[in-house]
Amino acid sequence: MERIRAQFYERNPFSVDTIREHTRRTSRLWGKHMLALAYRNNGARDLRCRFALLSAGMRLLGNGGRLSVS
């Protein structure tokens, strides 16, 4: 996801403030979604999958959408 987002920003001339706001919003959205998938009990996800979703979701929510912008 980070590579896709970085390539999107490279190809589109957005301001640094716009990139930061977009990164913050998408990180929060994807982080919440991953946490919900980790806790939803539908029987299709094993423990390793749930842990991967949980850690990725926490990482996205924990960084607050901060991205190093050059």
Protein backbone atom coordinates (compact mmCIF):
# COMPACT_ATOMS: atom_id res chain seq x y z
CA MET A 1 0.00 0.00 0.00
CA GLU A 2 2.82 2.40 0.84
CA ARG A 3 4.51 1.82 -2.53
CA ILE A 4 1.28 2.42 -4.41
CA ARG A 5 0.62 5.58 -2.44
CA ALA A 6 4.19 6.85 -2.98
CA GLN A 7 3.98 6.23 -6.72
CA PHE A 8 0.63 8.02 -6.85
CA TYR A 9 2.17 11.07 -5.17
CA GLU A 10 5.18 10.99 -7.51
CA ARG A 11 2.93 11.04 -10.58
CA ASN A 12 0.57 13.72 -9.32
CA PRO A 13 1.77 17.20 -8.36
CA PHE A 14 0.13 17.64 -4.96
CA SER A 15 1.26 20.04 -2.28
CA VAL A 16 3.01 18.63 0.79
CA ASP A 17 0.00 19.60 2.95
CA THR A 18 -2.40 17.75 0.63
CA ILE A 19 -0.19 14.66 0.67
CA ARG A 20 0.01 14.70 4.48
CA GLU A 21 -3.75 15.06 4.87
CA HIS A 22 -4.46 12.31 2.34
CA THR A 23 -1.92 10.01 3.97
CA ARG A 24 -3.39 10.65 7.42
CA ARG A 25 -6.92 9.93 6.24
CA THR A 26 -6.11 6.81 4.25
CA SER A 27 -3.89 5.41 7.01
CA ARG A 28 -6.70 5.84 9.51
CA LEU A 29 -9.29 4.31 7.18
CA TRP A 30 -7.17 1.28 6.25
CA GLY A 31 -5.95 0.81 9.82
CA LYS A 32 -9.50 0.68 11.20
CA HIS A 33 -10.55 -1.68 8.41
CA MET A 34 -7.66 -4.07 9.11
CA LEU A 35 -8.42 -4.09 12.84
CA ALA A 36 -12.07 -4.88 12.14
CA LEU A 37 -11.08 -7.77 9.86
CA ALA A 38 -8.70 -9.11 12.50
CA TYR A 39 -11.45 -9.23 15.15
CA ARG A 40 -14.39 -10.26 12.99
CA ASN A 41 -15.19 -13.90 13.70
CA ASN A 42 -16.13 -15.52 10.42
CA GLY A 43 -13.95 -18.62 10.74
CA ALA A 44 -12.05 -18.00 7.48
CA ARG A 45 -8.95 -16.40 9.00
CA ASP A 46 -6.37 -18.39 10.91
CA LEU A 47 -4.40 -16.96 13.81
CA ARG A 48 -1.43 -15.96 11.65
CA CYS A 49 -3.68 -14.00 9.27
CA ARG A 50 -5.43 -12.28 12.16
CA PHE A 51 -2.10 -11.32 13.71
CA ALA A 52 -0.86 -9.90 10.38
CA LEU A 53 -4.04 -7.81 10.03
CA LEU A 54 -3.81 -6.66 13.63
CA SER A 55 -0.16 -5.61 13.41
CA ALA A 56 -0.62 -3.86 10.03
CA GLY A 57 -3.70 -2.04 11.34
CA MET A 58 -1.92 -0.93 14.49
CA ARG A 59 1.08 0.24 12.46
CA LEU A 60 -1.16 2.35 10.20
CA LEU A 61 -3.05 3.84 13.13
CA GLY A 62 0.09 4.32 15.20
CA ASN A 63 2.04 6.36 12.69
CA GLY A 64 -0.77 8.89 12.43
CA GLY A 65 -0.40 8.98 8.69
CA ARG A 66 3.04 10.52 8.89
CA LEU A 67 4.98 10.05 5.73
CA SER A 68 8.36 11.47 4.90
CA VAL A 69 7.79 13.84 2.02
CA SER A 70 10.76 15.22 0.14
